[in-house]
Amino acid sequence: MSNSSSISHFLLLPLADRRQLQLLHFCLFLGISLAALLGNGLIISAVACGHHLHTPMFFVLLNLALTDLGSICTTVPKAMHNSLWDTRTISYKGCAAQAFFFSFFITEELVLLTIMCYNRYVSICKPLHYGTPLGSRACAHMAAAAWASAFLYSLLHTANTFSLPLYHGNALGQFFCEIPHILKLSCSKSCLRELGLIAISSSLAIGCFLFIVFSYVQIFRAVLRIPCEQGRHKAFSTCLPHLAVVSLFITTGMFAYLKPPSISSPSLDLALSVLYSVVPPALNPLIYSLRNQQLKAAVWRLMTGWLQTH
């Protein structure tokens, strides 16, 4: 038995046991993180510098890029450090900070994906309200509310989790500090209050998922009523990137936590955690930029302008 006050560090799940595989994972994570930094950095710069991109859709996309940068900078650097130096330790305070920021950015990403879905719904089903000052202010207010609520939720969640006594050692079954895995180290009655928070957060996540599903049912019904085939194709092309991002992020996360214990294994859990925590920040910029001509043109102008000045 151990108390949380006596724990000075946690042991993270190693990505591999053999040295060659550890170096391979380091190189893989390095490539993914560089791709995420480059892609999201280009989107942030293009939207910030391109005045014609100052619309509700690109404003939310800017916030998503900031969230992706924060998310990958929270989990990947420590995993790379542990793989390179063949260690698995993280300090108690470092673990608390990592758990807070990961919960913060994951919550923010889910809310932003829901806002983007609402943005698609308004632009296709209620086009007269899209792009107006009211619509722009509404998006700004929703984004600000998302950042504030994600911060307060993560602060409460993390403070409550790390106030619990830990009775099962300090070894985590994850390559980064994640609140559900920290809760597995505690079996006290006080854990019930944290489980209540998890139930509330799960309900909110399911609510966001159901809202996205309902919105896309309405969107597809509206698109199928468009008489022009070119108009239908254009409407579908604006929805496909968001659908791809939502499918990757939500389905892998839900499967990771809702899968039956009979099919659970360390390798499967590790692969799923990489899919919902590491891959989306690197893949999101590619998905959105490939399907959006305005964004591709803005990124190209930004890159050519930078090359000309250097």
C-alpha atoms as a PDB file:
ATOM      1  CA  MET A   1       0.000   0.000   0.000  1.00  0.00           C
ATOM      2  CA  SER A   2       1.142   3.505  -0.756  1.00  0.00           C
ATOM      3  CA  ASN A   3      -0.313   6.925  -0.172  1.00  0.00           C
ATOM      4  CA  SER A   4      -0.373   9.615  -2.838  1.00  0.00           C
ATOM      5  CA  SER A   5       1.617  11.908  -0.559  1.00  0.00           C
ATOM      6  CA  SER A   6       4.492   9.389  -0.467  1.00  0.00           C
ATOM      7  CA  ILE A   7       4.675   8.947  -4.261  1.00  0.00           C
ATOM      8  CA  SER A   8       7.350  11.097  -5.880  1.00  0.00           C
ATOM      9  CA  HIS A   9       7.018   9.727  -9.416  1.00  0.00           C
ATOM     10  CA  PHE A  10       4.970   7.451 -11.665  1.00  0.00           C
ATOM     11  CA  LEU A  11       6.099   4.694 -14.017  1.00  0.00           C
ATOM     12  CA  LEU A  12       4.691   5.034 -17.537  1.00  0.00           C
ATOM     13  CA  LEU A  13       4.006   2.144 -19.882  1.00  0.00           C
ATOM     14  CA  PRO A  14       7.084   1.602 -22.096  1.00  0.00           C
ATOM     15  CA  LEU A  15       6.427   1.743 -25.821  1.00  0.00           C
ATOM     16  CA  ALA A  16       8.730  -1.237 -26.391  1.00  0.00           C
ATOM     17  CA  ASP A  17      11.099  -3.526 -24.502  1.00  0.00           C
ATOM     18  CA  ARG A  18      13.906  -3.881 -27.067  1.00  0.00           C
ATOM     19  CA  ARG A  19      16.309  -1.012 -27.667  1.00  0.00           C
ATOM     20  CA  GLN A  20      15.895  -1.092 -31.453  1.00  0.00           C
ATOM     21  CA  LEU A  21      12.108  -0.765 -31.152  1.00  0.00           C
ATOM     22  CA  GLN A  22      12.475   2.060 -28.646  1.00  0.00           C
ATOM     23  CA  LEU A  23      14.594   4.031 -31.129  1.00  0.00           C
ATOM     24  CA  LEU A  24      12.094   3.208 -33.881  1.00  0.00           C
ATOM     25  CA  HIS A  25       9.260   4.586 -31.755  1.00  0.00           C
ATOM     26  CA  PHE A  26      11.340   7.696 -31.045  1.00  0.00           C
ATOM     27  CA  CYS A  27      11.823   8.329 -34.772  1.00  0.00           C
ATOM     28  CA  LEU A  28       8.140   7.625 -35.471  1.00  0.00           C
ATOM     29  CA  PHE A  29       6.951  10.035 -32.783  1.00  0.00           C
ATOM     30  CA  LEU A  30       9.490  12.622 -33.930  1.00  0.00           C
ATOM     31  CA  GLY A  31       8.110  12.458 -37.484  1.00  0.00           C
ATOM     32  CA  ILE A  32       4.510  12.691 -36.287  1.00  0.00           C
ATOM     33  CA  SER A  33       5.226  15.633 -33.995  1.00  0.00           C
ATOM     34  CA  LEU A  34       7.122  17.533 -36.708  1.00  0.00           C
ATOM     35  CA  ALA A  35       4.257  16.930 -39.146  1.00  0.00           C
ATOM     36  CA  ALA A  36       1.767  18.202 -36.548  1.00  0.00           C
ATOM     37  CA  LEU A  37       3.863  21.287 -35.769  1.00  0.00           C
ATOM     38  CA  LEU A  38       4.331  22.111 -39.448  1.00  0.00           C
ATOM     39  CA  GLY A  39       0.739  21.453 -40.531  1.00  0.00           C
ATOM     40  CA  ASN A  40      -0.979  23.210 -37.647  1.00  0.00           C
ATOM     41  CA  GLY A  41       1.540  26.047 -37.726  1.00  0.00           C
ATOM     42  CA  LEU A  42       0.814  26.663 -41.411  1.00  0.00           C
ATOM     43  CA  ILE A  43      -2.949  26.664 -40.801  1.00  0.00           C
ATOM     44  CA  ILE A  44      -2.622  29.118 -37.893  1.00  0.00           C
ATOM     45  CA  SER A  45      -0.376  31.431 -39.929  1.00  0.00           C
ATOM     46  CA  ALA A  46      -2.535  31.216 -43.073  1.00  0.00           C
ATOM     47  CA  VAL A  47      -5.789  31.957 -41.250  1.00  0.00           C
ATOM     48  CA  ALA A  48      -4.245  34.720 -39.133  1.00  0.00           C
ATOM     49  CA  CYS A  49      -2.613  36.446 -42.132  1.00  0.00           C
ATOM     50  CA  GLY A  50      -5.356  35.849 -44.723  1.00  0.00           C
ATOM     51  CA  HIS A  51      -8.087  38.443 -44.191  1.00  0.00           C
ATOM     52  CA  HIS A  52     -10.406  36.623 -46.609  1.00  0.00           C
ATOM     53  CA  LEU A  53     -10.259  33.605 -44.263  1.00  0.00           C
ATOM     54  CA  HIS A  54     -11.670  35.552 -41.302  1.00  0.00           C
ATOM     55  CA  THR A  55     -14.963  33.643 -41.369  1.00  0.00           C
ATOM     56  CA  PRO A  56     -16.644  31.533 -38.671  1.00  0.00           C
ATOM     57  CA  MET A  57     -15.483  28.255 -40.268  1.00  0.00           C
ATOM     58  CA  PHE A  58     -11.808  29.226 -40.433  1.00  0.00           C
ATOM     59  CA  PHE A  59     -11.946  30.857 -37.003  1.00  0.00           C
ATOM     60  CA  VAL A  60     -12.999  27.541 -35.451  1.00  0.00           C
ATOM     61  CA  LEU A  61     -10.384  25.735 -37.577  1.00  0.00           C
ATOM     62  CA  LEU A  62      -7.750  28.104 -36.146  1.00  0.00           C
ATOM     63  CA  ASN A  63      -8.838  27.149 -32.634  1.00  0.00           C
ATOM     64  CA  LEU A  64      -8.702  23.448 -33.562  1.00  0.00           C
ATOM     65  CA  ALA A  65      -5.130  23.863 -34.848  1.00  0.00           C
ATOM     66  CA  LEU A  66      -4.114  25.533 -31.564  1.00  0.00           C
ATOM     67  CA  THR A  67      -5.736  22.662 -29.653  1.00  0.00           C
ATOM     68  CA  ASP A  68      -3.915  20.055 -31.748  1.00  0.00           C
ATOM     69  CA  LEU A  69      -0.577  21.756 -31.132  1.00  0.00           C
ATOM     70  CA  GLY A  70      -1.196  21.801 -27.401  1.00  0.00           C
ATOM     71  CA  SER A  71      -2.367  18.192 -27.370  1.00  0.00           C
ATOM     72  CA  ILE A  72       0.643  16.722 -29.139  1.00  0.00           C
ATOM     73  CA  CYS A  73       3.082  18.865 -27.144  1.00  0.00           C
ATOM     74  CA  THR A  74       1.563  17.449 -23.950  1.00  0.00           C
ATOM     75  CA  THR A  75       2.050  13.732 -24.590  1.00  0.00           C
ATOM     76  CA  VAL A  76       4.707  13.157 -27.253  1.00  0.00           C
ATOM     77  CA  PRO A  77       7.847  14.916 -25.885  1.00  0.00           C
ATOM     78  CA  LYS A  78       7.909  12.859 -22.674  1.00  0.00           C
ATOM     79  CA  ALA A  79       7.274   9.625 -24.616  1.00  0.00           C
ATOM     80  CA  MET A  80      10.144  10.492 -26.960  1.00  0.00           C
ATOM     81  CA  HIS A  81      12.419  11.282 -24.009  1.00  0.00           C
ATOM     82  CA  ASN A  82      11.616   7.961 -22.327  1.00  0.00           C
ATOM     83  CA  SER A  83      12.181   6.002 -25.542  1.00  0.00           C
ATOM     84  CA  LEU A  84      15.478   7.717 -26.279  1.00  0.00           C
ATOM     85  CA  TRP A  85      16.915   7.368 -22.758  1.00  0.00           C
ATOM     86  CA  ASP A  86      15.347   3.973 -21.991  1.00  0.00           C
ATOM     87  CA  THR A  87      13.401   5.135 -18.965  1.00  0.00           C
ATOM     88  CA  ARG A  88       9.740   5.226 -17.960  1.00  0.00           C
ATOM     89  CA  THR A  89       9.562   7.650 -15.027  1.00  0.00           C
ATOM     90  CA  ILE A  90       7.667  10.924 -14.751  1.00  0.00           C
ATOM     91  CA  SER A  91       7.561  13.129 -11.668  1.00  0.00           C
ATOM     92  CA  TYR A  92       4.397  13.430  -9.588  1.00  0.00           C
ATOM     93  CA  LYS A  93       3.963  17.108 -10.487  1.00  0.00           C
ATOM     94  CA  GLY A  94       4.827  16.402 -14.113  1.00  0.00           C
ATOM     95  CA  CYS A  95       2.200  13.666 -14.215  1.00  0.00           C
ATOM     96  CA  ALA A  96      -0.410  15.987 -12.704  1.00  0.00           C
ATOM     97  CA  ALA A  97       0.423  18.697 -15.254  1.00  0.00           C
ATOM     98  CA  GLN A  98       0.304  16.219 -18.142  1.00  0.00           C
ATOM     99  CA  ALA A  99      -3.041  14.811 -16.981  1.00  0.00           C
ATOM    100  CA  PHE A 100      -4.484  18.324 -16.685  1.00  0.00           C
ATOM    101  CA  PHE A 101      -3.339  19.553 -20.091  1.00  0.00           C
ATOM    102  CA  PHE A 102      -4.311  16.340 -21.886  1.00  0.00           C
ATOM    103  CA  SER A 103      -7.795  16.429 -20.352  1.00  0.00           C
ATOM    104  CA  PHE A 104      -8.024  20.128 -21.221  1.00  0.00           C
ATOM    105  CA  PHE A 105      -7.065  19.750 -24.887  1.00  0.00           C
ATOM    106  CA  ILE A 106      -9.093  16.564 -25.444  1.00  0.00           C
ATOM    107  CA  THR A 107     -12.195  18.226 -23.979  1.00  0.00           C
ATOM    108  CA  GLU A 108     -11.554  21.337 -26.050  1.00  0.00           C
ATOM    109  CA  GLU A 109     -11.158  19.280 -29.230  1.00  0.00           C
ATOM    110  CA  LEU A 110     -14.452  17.465 -28.680  1.00  0.00           C
ATOM    111  CA  VAL A 111     -16.306  20.738 -28.090  1.00  0.00           C
ATOM    112  CA  LEU A 112     -14.675  22.377 -31.123  1.00  0.00           C
ATOM    113  CA  LEU A 113     -15.625  19.444 -33.354  1.00  0.00           C
ATOM    114  CA  THR A 114     -19.200  19.873 -32.137  1.00  0.00           C
ATOM    115  CA  ILE A 115     -19.066  23.612 -32.891  1.00  0.00           C
ATOM    116  CA  MET A 116     -17.688  22.866 -36.365  1.00  0.00           C
ATOM    117  CA  CYS A 117     -20.597  20.483 -36.910  1.00  0.00           C
ATOM    118  CA  TYR A 118     -23.016  23.246 -35.897  1.00  0.00           C
ATOM    119  CA  ASN A 119     -21.169  25.570 -38.279  1.00  0.00           C
ATOM    120  CA  ARG A 120     -21.678  23.095 -41.143  1.00  0.00           C
ATOM    121  CA  TYR A 121     -25.349  22.766 -40.199  1.00  0.00           C
ATOM    122  CA  VAL A 122     -25.922  26.530 -40.288  1.00  0.00           C
ATOM    123  CA  SER A 123     -23.996  27.026 -43.548  1.00  0.00           C
ATOM    124  CA  ILE A 124     -25.963  24.308 -45.387  1.00  0.00           C
ATOM    125  CA  CYS A 125     -29.384  24.216 -43.712  1.00  0.00           C
ATOM    126  CA  LYS A 126     -29.671  27.927 -42.807  1.00  0.00           C
ATOM    127  CA  PRO A 127     -27.380  29.725 -45.259  1.00  0.00           C
ATOM    128  CA  LEU A 128     -28.991  33.135 -44.678  1.00  0.00           C
ATOM    129  CA  HIS A 129     -27.616  33.177 -41.112  1.00  0.00           C
ATOM    130  CA  TYR A 130     -24.106  32.085 -42.108  1.00  0.00           C
ATOM    131  CA  GLY A 131     -21.300  34.622 -42.367  1.00  0.00           C
ATOM    132  CA  THR A 132     -23.312  37.426 -40.740  1.00  0.00           C
ATOM    133  CA  PRO A 133     -21.887  39.440 -37.841  1.00  0.00           C
ATOM    134  CA  LEU A 134     -24.290  37.562 -35.573  1.00  0.00           C
ATOM    135  CA  GLY A 135     -22.894  34.250 -36.814  1.00  0.00           C
ATOM    136  CA  SER A 136     -19.309  35.435 -36.330  1.00  0.00           C
ATOM    137  CA  ARG A 137     -20.001  36.670 -32.807  1.00  0.00           C
ATOM    138  CA  ALA A 138     -21.792  33.439 -31.972  1.00  0.00           C
ATOM    139  CA  CYS A 139     -18.770  31.391 -33.092  1.00  0.00           C
ATOM    140  CA  ALA A 140     -16.418  33.594 -31.066  1.00  0.00           C
ATOM    141  CA  HIS A 141     -18.618  33.279 -27.989  1.00  0.00           C
ATOM    142  CA  MET A 142     -18.897  29.496 -28.406  1.00  0.00           C
ATOM    143  CA  ALA A 143     -15.115  29.156 -28.814  1.00  0.00           C
ATOM    144  CA  ALA A 144     -14.473  31.282 -25.723  1.00  0.00           C
ATOM    145  CA  ALA A 145     -17.013  29.240 -23.757  1.00  0.00           C
ATOM    146  CA  ALA A 146     -15.320  26.037 -24.968  1.00  0.00           C
ATOM    147  CA  TRP A 147     -11.881  27.149 -23.762  1.00  0.00           C
ATOM    148  CA  ALA A 148     -13.238  28.330 -20.393  1.00  0.00           C
ATOM    149  CA  SER A 149     -15.384  25.261 -19.728  1.00  0.00           C
ATOM    150  CA  ALA A 150     -12.580  22.867 -20.778  1.00  0.00           C
ATOM    151  CA  PHE A 151     -10.173  24.655 -18.411  1.00  0.00           C
ATOM    152  CA  LEU A 152     -12.547  24.560 -15.432  1.00  0.00           C
ATOM    153  CA  TYR A 153     -13.548  20.953 -16.099  1.00  0.00           C
ATOM    154  CA  SER A 154      -9.927  19.780 -16.400  1.00  0.00           C
ATOM    155  CA  LEU A 155      -8.860  21.711 -13.308  1.00  0.00           C
ATOM    156  CA  LEU A 156     -11.642  20.159 -11.218  1.00  0.00           C
ATOM    157  CA  HIS A 157     -11.056  16.710 -12.720  1.00  0.00           C
ATOM    158  CA  THR A 158      -7.290  16.746 -12.120  1.00  0.00           C
ATOM    159  CA  ALA A 159      -7.440  18.256  -8.630  1.00  0.00           C
ATOM    160  CA  ASN A 160     -10.022  15.683  -7.573  1.00  0.00           C
ATOM    161  CA  THR A 161      -8.054  12.768  -9.058  1.00  0.00           C
ATOM    162  CA  PHE A 162      -4.727  13.678  -7.462  1.00  0.00           C
ATOM    163  CA  SER A 163      -6.336  14.231  -4.077  1.00  0.00           C
ATOM    164  CA  LEU A 164      -7.289  10.540  -3.910  1.00  0.00           C
ATOM    165  CA  PRO A 165      -5.123   8.059  -1.973  1.00  0.00           C
ATOM    166  CA  LEU A 166      -3.326   5.608  -4.247  1.00  0.00           C
ATOM    167  CA  TYR A 167      -3.274   2.030  -2.974  1.00  0.00           C
ATOM    168  CA  HIS A 168      -1.940   0.133  -5.994  1.00  0.00           C
ATOM    169  CA  GLY A 169       1.555   1.504  -6.501  1.00  0.00           C
ATOM    170  CA  ASN A 170       2.651   4.002  -9.127  1.00  0.00           C
ATOM    171  CA  ALA A 171       2.794   1.999 -12.397  1.00  0.00           C
ATOM    172  CA  LEU A 172       0.409   3.318 -15.082  1.00  0.00           C
ATOM    173  CA  GLY A 173      -0.886   1.236 -17.960  1.00  0.00           C
ATOM    174  CA  GLN A 174      -0.464   4.116 -20.423  1.00  0.00           C
ATOM    175  CA  PHE A 175       2.501   5.844 -22.082  1.00  0.00           C
ATOM    176  CA  PHE A 176       1.331   9.199 -20.712  1.00  0.00           C
ATOM    177  CA  CYS A 177      -0.558  10.320 -17.602  1.00  0.00           C
ATOM    178  CA  GLU A 178      -4.263   9.893 -18.212  1.00  0.00           C
ATOM    179  CA  ILE A 179      -6.870  10.281 -15.480  1.00  0.00           C
ATOM    180  CA  PRO A 180      -8.689   6.927 -15.940  1.00  0.00           C
ATOM    181  CA  HIS A 181      -5.407   5.043 -15.562  1.00  0.00           C
ATOM    182  CA  ILE A 182      -4.504   7.018 -12.436  1.00  0.00           C
ATOM    183  CA  LEU A 183      -7.904   6.170 -10.960  1.00  0.00           C
ATOM    184  CA  LYS A 184      -7.094   2.468 -11.325  1.00  0.00           C
ATOM    185  CA  LEU A 185      -4.428   2.966  -8.663  1.00  0.00           C
ATOM    186  CA  SER A 186      -7.074   4.048  -6.159  1.00  0.00           C
ATOM    187  CA  CYS A 187      -9.860   1.898  -4.739  1.00  0.00           C
ATOM    188  CA  SER A 188     -11.050   4.098  -1.905  1.00  0.00           C
ATOM    189  CA  LYS A 189     -14.610   5.225  -1.263  1.00  0.00           C
ATOM    190  CA  SER A 190     -13.580   8.757  -2.140  1.00  0.00           C
ATOM    191  CA  CYS A 191     -13.068   7.498  -5.688  1.00  0.00           C
ATOM    192  CA  LEU A 192     -16.854   7.547  -6.080  1.00  0.00           C
ATOM    193  CA  ARG A 193     -16.897  11.335  -6.435  1.00  0.00           C
ATOM    194  CA  GLU A 194     -14.382  11.121  -9.291  1.00  0.00           C
ATOM    195  CA  LEU A 195     -16.419   8.363 -10.912  1.00  0.00           C
ATOM    196  CA  GLY A 196     -19.383  10.723 -10.714  1.00  0.00           C
ATOM    197  CA  LEU A 197     -17.375  13.345 -12.631  1.00  0.00           C
ATOM    198  CA  ILE A 198     -16.437  10.729 -15.210  1.00  0.00           C
ATOM    199  CA  ALA A 199     -20.114   9.775 -15.586  1.00  0.00           C
ATOM    200  CA  ILE A 200     -21.021  13.428 -16.152  1.00  0.00           C
ATOM    201  CA  SER A 201     -18.199  13.908 -18.673  1.00  0.00           C
ATOM    202  CA  SER A 202     -19.171  10.683 -20.469  1.00  0.00           C
ATOM    203  CA  SER A 203     -22.749  11.939 -20.708  1.00  0.00           C
ATOM    204  CA  LEU A 204     -21.524  15.223 -22.184  1.00  0.00           C
ATOM    205  CA  ALA A 205     -19.323  13.355 -24.685  1.00  0.00           C
ATOM    206  CA  ILE A 206     -22.236  11.144 -25.727  1.00  0.00           C
ATOM    207  CA  GLY A 207     -24.402  14.260 -25.985  1.00  0.00           C
ATOM    208  CA  CYS A 208     -21.869  15.878 -28.343  1.00  0.00           C
ATOM    209  CA  PHE A 209     -21.731  12.683 -30.397  1.00  0.00           C
ATOM    210  CA  LEU A 210     -25.527  12.485 -30.672  1.00  0.00           C
ATOM    211  CA  PHE A 211     -25.689  16.174 -31.618  1.00  0.00           C
ATOM    212  CA  ILE A 212     -23.149  15.565 -34.394  1.00  0.00           C
ATOM    213  CA  VAL A 213     -25.104  12.559 -35.675  1.00  0.00           C
ATOM    214  CA  PHE A 214     -28.427  14.462 -35.592  1.00  0.00           C
ATOM    215  CA  SER A 215     -26.880  17.486 -37.322  1.00  0.00           C
ATOM    216  CA  TYR A 216     -25.443  15.388 -40.137  1.00  0.00           C
ATOM    217  CA  VAL A 217     -28.788  13.668 -40.666  1.00  0.00           C
ATOM    218  CA  GLN A 218     -30.306  17.121 -41.215  1.00  0.00           C
ATOM    219  CA  ILE A 219     -27.351  18.180 -43.383  1.00  0.00           C
ATOM    220  CA  PHE A 220     -27.605  15.138 -45.662  1.00  0.00           C
ATOM    221  CA  ARG A 221     -31.359  15.619 -45.994  1.00  0.00           C
ATOM    222  CA  ALA A 222     -30.785  19.244 -47.032  1.00  0.00           C
ATOM    223  CA  VAL A 223     -27.974  18.322 -49.448  1.00  0.00           C
ATOM    224  CA  LEU A 224     -30.041  15.649 -51.175  1.00  0.00           C
ATOM    225  CA  ARG A 225     -32.728  18.263 -51.859  1.00  0.00           C
ATOM    226  CA  ILE A 226     -30.265  20.467 -53.790  1.00  0.00           C
ATOM    227  CA  PRO A 227     -31.289  20.176 -57.465  1.00  0.00           C
ATOM    228  CA  CYS A 228     -27.837  20.919 -58.908  1.00  0.00           C
ATOM    229  CA  GLU A 229     -25.350  18.032 -58.870  1.00  0.00           C
ATOM    230  CA  GLN A 230     -22.420  20.440 -58.611  1.00  0.00           C
ATOM    231  CA  GLY A 231     -24.024  22.057 -55.568  1.00  0.00           C
ATOM    232  CA  ARG A 232     -24.514  18.685 -53.909  1.00  0.00           C
ATOM    233  CA  HIS A 233     -20.874  17.774 -54.592  1.00  0.00           C
ATOM    234  CA  LYS A 234     -19.648  21.067 -53.131  1.00  0.00           C
ATOM    235  CA  ALA A 235     -21.792  20.632 -50.019  1.00  0.00           C
ATOM    236  CA  PHE A 236     -20.589  17.066 -49.491  1.00  0.00           C
ATOM    237  CA  SER A 237     -16.951  18.108 -49.993  1.00  0.00           C
ATOM    238  CA  THR A 238     -17.206  20.601 -47.117  1.00  0.00           C
ATOM    239  CA  CYS A 239     -18.562  17.895 -44.797  1.00  0.00           C
ATOM    240  CA  LEU A 240     -16.187  15.027 -45.612  1.00  0.00           C
ATOM    241  CA  PRO A 241     -13.086  16.430 -43.826  1.00  0.00           C
ATOM    242  CA  HIS A 242     -15.030  17.044 -40.633  1.00  0.00           C
ATOM    243  CA  LEU A 243     -16.621  13.589 -40.815  1.00  0.00           C
ATOM    244  CA  ALA A 244     -13.201  11.981 -41.240  1.00  0.00           C
ATOM    245  CA  VAL A 245     -11.750  13.838 -38.238  1.00  0.00           C
ATOM    246  CA  VAL A 246     -14.772  13.076 -36.044  1.00  0.00           C
ATOM    247  CA  SER A 247     -14.740   9.398 -37.029  1.00  0.00           C
ATOM    248  CA  LEU A 248     -11.045   8.975 -36.183  1.00  0.00           C
ATOM    249  CA  PHE A 249     -11.144  10.923 -32.932  1.00  0.00           C
ATOM    250  CA  ILE A 250     -14.457   9.820 -31.411  1.00  0.00           C
ATOM    251  CA  THR A 251     -14.653   6.206 -32.579  1.00  0.00           C
ATOM    252  CA  THR A 252     -11.130   5.278 -31.437  1.00  0.00           C
ATOM    253  CA  GLY A 253     -11.621   7.052 -28.099  1.00  0.00           C
ATOM    254  CA  MET A 254     -14.998   5.432 -27.481  1.00  0.00           C
ATOM    255  CA  PHE A 255     -13.713   1.992 -28.458  1.00  0.00           C
ATOM    256  CA  ALA A 256     -10.681   2.385 -26.184  1.00  0.00           C
ATOM    257  CA  TYR A 257     -12.879   2.952 -23.128  1.00  0.00           C
ATOM    258  CA  LEU A 258     -16.017   0.969 -24.006  1.00  0.00           C
ATOM    259  CA  LYS A 259     -14.466  -2.197 -25.432  1.00  0.00           C
ATOM    260  CA  PRO A 260     -15.096  -5.399 -23.450  1.00  0.00           C
ATOM    261  CA  PRO A 261     -12.250  -6.485 -21.127  1.00  0.00           C
ATOM    262  CA  SER A 262     -12.085  -9.848 -22.906  1.00  0.00           C
ATOM    263  CA  ILE A 263     -10.433  -8.285 -25.978  1.00  0.00           C
ATOM    264  CA  SER A 264      -8.219  -5.913 -24.040  1.00  0.00           C
ATOM    265  CA  SER A 265      -4.449  -6.276 -24.299  1.00  0.00           C
ATOM    266  CA  PRO A 266      -1.491  -3.926 -23.667  1.00  0.00           C
ATOM    267  CA  SER A 267      -0.599  -3.739 -27.375  1.00  0.00           C
ATOM    268  CA  LEU A 268      -4.193  -3.015 -28.432  1.00  0.00           C
ATOM    269  CA  ASP A 269      -4.642  -0.407 -25.695  1.00  0.00           C
ATOM    270  CA  LEU A 270      -1.372   1.246 -26.727  1.00  0.00           C
ATOM    271  CA  ALA A 271      -2.356   1.326 -30.411  1.00  0.00           C
ATOM    272  CA  LEU A 272      -5.771   2.820 -29.613  1.00  0.00           C
ATOM    273  CA  SER A 273      -4.293   5.470 -27.331  1.00  0.00           C
ATOM    274  CA  VAL A 274      -1.883   6.509 -30.088  1.00  0.00           C
ATOM    275  CA  LEU A 275      -4.784   6.707 -32.565  1.00  0.00           C
ATOM    276  CA  TYR A 276      -6.868   9.124 -30.484  1.00  0.00           C
ATOM    277  CA  SER A 277      -4.077  11.121 -28.799  1.00  0.00           C
ATOM    278  CA  VAL A 278      -1.164  11.357 -31.257  1.00  0.00           C
ATOM    279  CA  VAL A 279      -2.412  10.738 -34.806  1.00  0.00           C
ATOM    280  CA  PRO A 280      -5.294  13.310 -35.031  1.00  0.00           C
ATOM    281  CA  PRO A 281      -3.125  16.417 -34.378  1.00  0.00           C
ATOM    282  CA  ALA A 282      -0.854  15.405 -37.279  1.00  0.00           C
ATOM    283  CA  LEU A 283      -3.652  14.217 -39.570  1.00  0.00           C
ATOM    284  CA  ASN A 284      -6.197  17.020 -39.079  1.00  0.00           C
ATOM    285  CA  PRO A 285      -4.258  19.708 -40.999  1.00  0.00           C
ATOM    286  CA  LEU A 286      -3.759  17.329 -43.927  1.00  0.00           C
ATOM    287  CA  ILE A 287      -7.452  16.363 -44.041  1.00  0.00           C
ATOM    288  CA  TYR A 288      -8.696  19.949 -43.928  1.00  0.00           C
ATOM    289  CA  SER A 289      -6.112  21.442 -46.282  1.00  0.00           C
ATOM    290  CA  LEU A 290      -6.526  18.784 -48.985  1.00  0.00           C
ATOM    291  CA  ARG A 291     -10.284  19.363 -49.297  1.00  0.00           C
ATOM    292  CA  ASN A 292     -10.345  23.168 -49.002  1.00  0.00           C
ATOM    293  CA  GLN A 293      -9.159  25.164 -51.985  1.00  0.00           C
ATOM    294  CA  GLN A 294      -9.180  28.496 -50.097  1.00  0.00           C
ATOM    295  CA  LEU A 295      -6.963  27.130 -47.372  1.00  0.00           C
ATOM    296  CA  LYS A 296      -4.594  25.450 -49.829  1.00  0.00           C
ATOM    297  CA  ALA A 297      -4.240  28.712 -51.755  1.00  0.00           C
ATOM    298  CA  ALA A 298      -3.598  30.685 -48.558  1.00  0.00           C
ATOM    299  CA  VAL A 299      -0.966  28.193 -47.359  1.00  0.00           C
ATOM    300  CA  TRP A 300       0.715  28.234 -50.775  1.00  0.00           C
ATOM    301  CA  ARG A 301       0.843  32.056 -50.810  1.00  0.00           C
ATOM    302  CA  LEU A 302       2.276  32.012 -47.307  1.00  0.00           C
ATOM    303  CA  MET A 303       5.010  29.525 -48.238  1.00  0.00           C
ATOM    304  CA  THR A 304       5.948  31.226 -51.522  1.00  0.00           C
ATOM    305  CA  GLY A 305       6.036  34.615 -49.790  1.00  0.00           C
ATOM    306  CA  TRP A 306       8.340  33.233 -47.107  1.00  0.00           C
ATOM    307  CA  LEU A 307      10.643  31.675 -49.725  1.00  0.00           C
ATOM    308  CA  GLN A 308      10.839  34.936 -51.671  1.00  0.00           C
ATOM    309  CA  THR A 309      11.816  36.908 -48.585  1.00  0.00           C
ATOM    310  CA  HIS A 310      14.555  34.359 -47.792  1.00  0.00           C
END
